[in-house]
Protein backbone atom coordinates (compact mmCIF):
# COMPACT_ATOMS: atom_id res chain seq x y z
CA UNK A 1 0.25 -0.07 -0.04
CA UNK A 2 1.32 3.75 -0.88
CA UNK A 3 1.19 5.74 2.06
CA UNK A 4 2.18 9.79 1.19
CA UNK A 5 2.48 11.77 4.53
CA UNK A 6 1.99 15.90 3.33
CA UNK A 7 3.45 18.08 6.27
CA UNK A 8 4.76 21.25 6.46
CA UNK A 9 8.39 22.78 8.10
CA UNK A 10 8.30 22.69 11.79
CA UNK A 11 4.87 20.97 12.25
CA UNK A 12 4.49 19.60 15.41
CA UNK A 13 1.50 17.45 14.66
CA UNK A 14 3.38 16.31 11.27
CA UNK A 15 6.39 15.06 13.37
CA UNK A 16 4.26 13.21 15.66
CA UNK A 17 2.50 11.44 12.87
CA UNK A 18 5.83 10.60 11.47
CA UNK A 19 7.32 9.33 14.73
CA UNK A 20 3.67 7.59 15.48
CA UNK A 21 4.30 5.87 11.96
CA UNK A 22 7.65 4.98 12.34
CA UNK A 23 7.37 3.49 15.58
CA UNK A 24 4.88 1.11 14.14
CA UNK A 25 7.36 -0.07 11.41
CA UNK A 26 5.06 1.62 8.44
CA UNK A 27 6.10 2.52 5.18
CA UNK A 28 5.60 6.09 3.96
CA UNK A 29 6.83 8.57 1.66
CA UNK A 30 7.01 12.42 2.71
CA UNK A 31 6.50 15.34 0.87
CA UNK A 32 6.65 19.32 2.29
CA UNK A 33 3.40 20.84 1.37
CA UNK A 34 5.50 23.82 0.65
CA UNK A 35 6.88 22.40 -2.31
CA UNK A 36 3.53 21.35 -4.00
CA UNK A 37 0.87 24.45 -4.00
CA UNK A 38 -0.91 22.75 -6.39
CA UNK A 39 -1.42 19.56 -3.91
CA UNK A 40 -2.10 22.19 -0.92
CA UNK A 41 -5.05 23.66 -2.94
CA UNK A 42 -6.21 20.59 -4.13
CA UNK A 43 -6.52 19.12 -0.09
CA UNK A 44 -8.48 22.57 0.54
CA UNK A 45 -10.64 22.03 -1.92
CA UNK A 46 -11.61 18.62 -0.28
CA UNK A 47 -11.78 20.31 3.30
CA UNK A 48 -8.44 18.86 4.39
CA UNK A 49 -7.42 22.00 6.24
CA UNK A 50 -4.83 20.58 8.48
CA UNK A 51 -1.11 19.22 8.52
CA UNK A 52 -0.29 16.38 7.90
CA UNK A 53 -2.15 14.85 5.45
CA UNK A 54 -1.99 11.28 5.00
CA UNK A 55 -2.71 9.67 1.90
CA UNK A 56 -3.10 6.01 1.54
CA UNK A 57 -4.66 3.58 -1.53
CA UNK A 58 -8.07 3.75 0.53
CA UNK A 59 -8.20 6.80 3.09
CA UNK A 60 -7.39 10.41 3.79
CA UNK A 61 -7.28 12.36 6.52
CA UNK A 62 -5.65 15.59 8.22
CA UNK A 63 -4.37 16.17 11.20
CA UNK A 64 -2.36 13.99 13.73
CA UNK A 65 -5.04 11.23 14.07
CA UNK A 66 -3.61 8.31 16.52
CA UNK A 67 -6.77 6.58 16.14
CA UNK A 68 -6.67 6.64 11.87
CA UNK A 69 -2.69 5.59 12.53
CA UNK A 70 -3.41 2.44 14.84
CA UNK A 71 -6.25 1.57 12.61
CA UNK A 72 -4.23 1.91 9.36
CA UNK A 73 -1.48 -0.39 11.24
CA UNK A 74 -4.27 -3.24 12.49
CA UNK A 75 -5.44 -2.92 8.43
CA UNK A 76 -1.83 -3.82 7.46
CA UNK A 77 -1.09 -6.35 9.80
CA UNK A 78 -4.50 -8.01 9.10
CA UNK A 79 -2.87 -7.71 5.06
CA UNK A 80 0.28 -9.13 5.75
CA UNK A 81 -1.38 -12.23 7.48
CA UNK A 82 -3.48 -12.93 4.53
């Protein structure tokens, strides 16, 4: 599964999200929203107004969401045991 974390510099919630993903061993690609203004506008149009924005093949969410990260981890564990 492709996982992208769109963040901004000096964003505490972004750092916390990446730290938790790392702790759980979840692989992701990290992108700086300030370098991709087109993506920033696309996310804003979808109502995603808080960094980080986490994109997976099946879900997108914004902000530090420990519940979503844990859910993603559980899903990935299940996928790996099929």
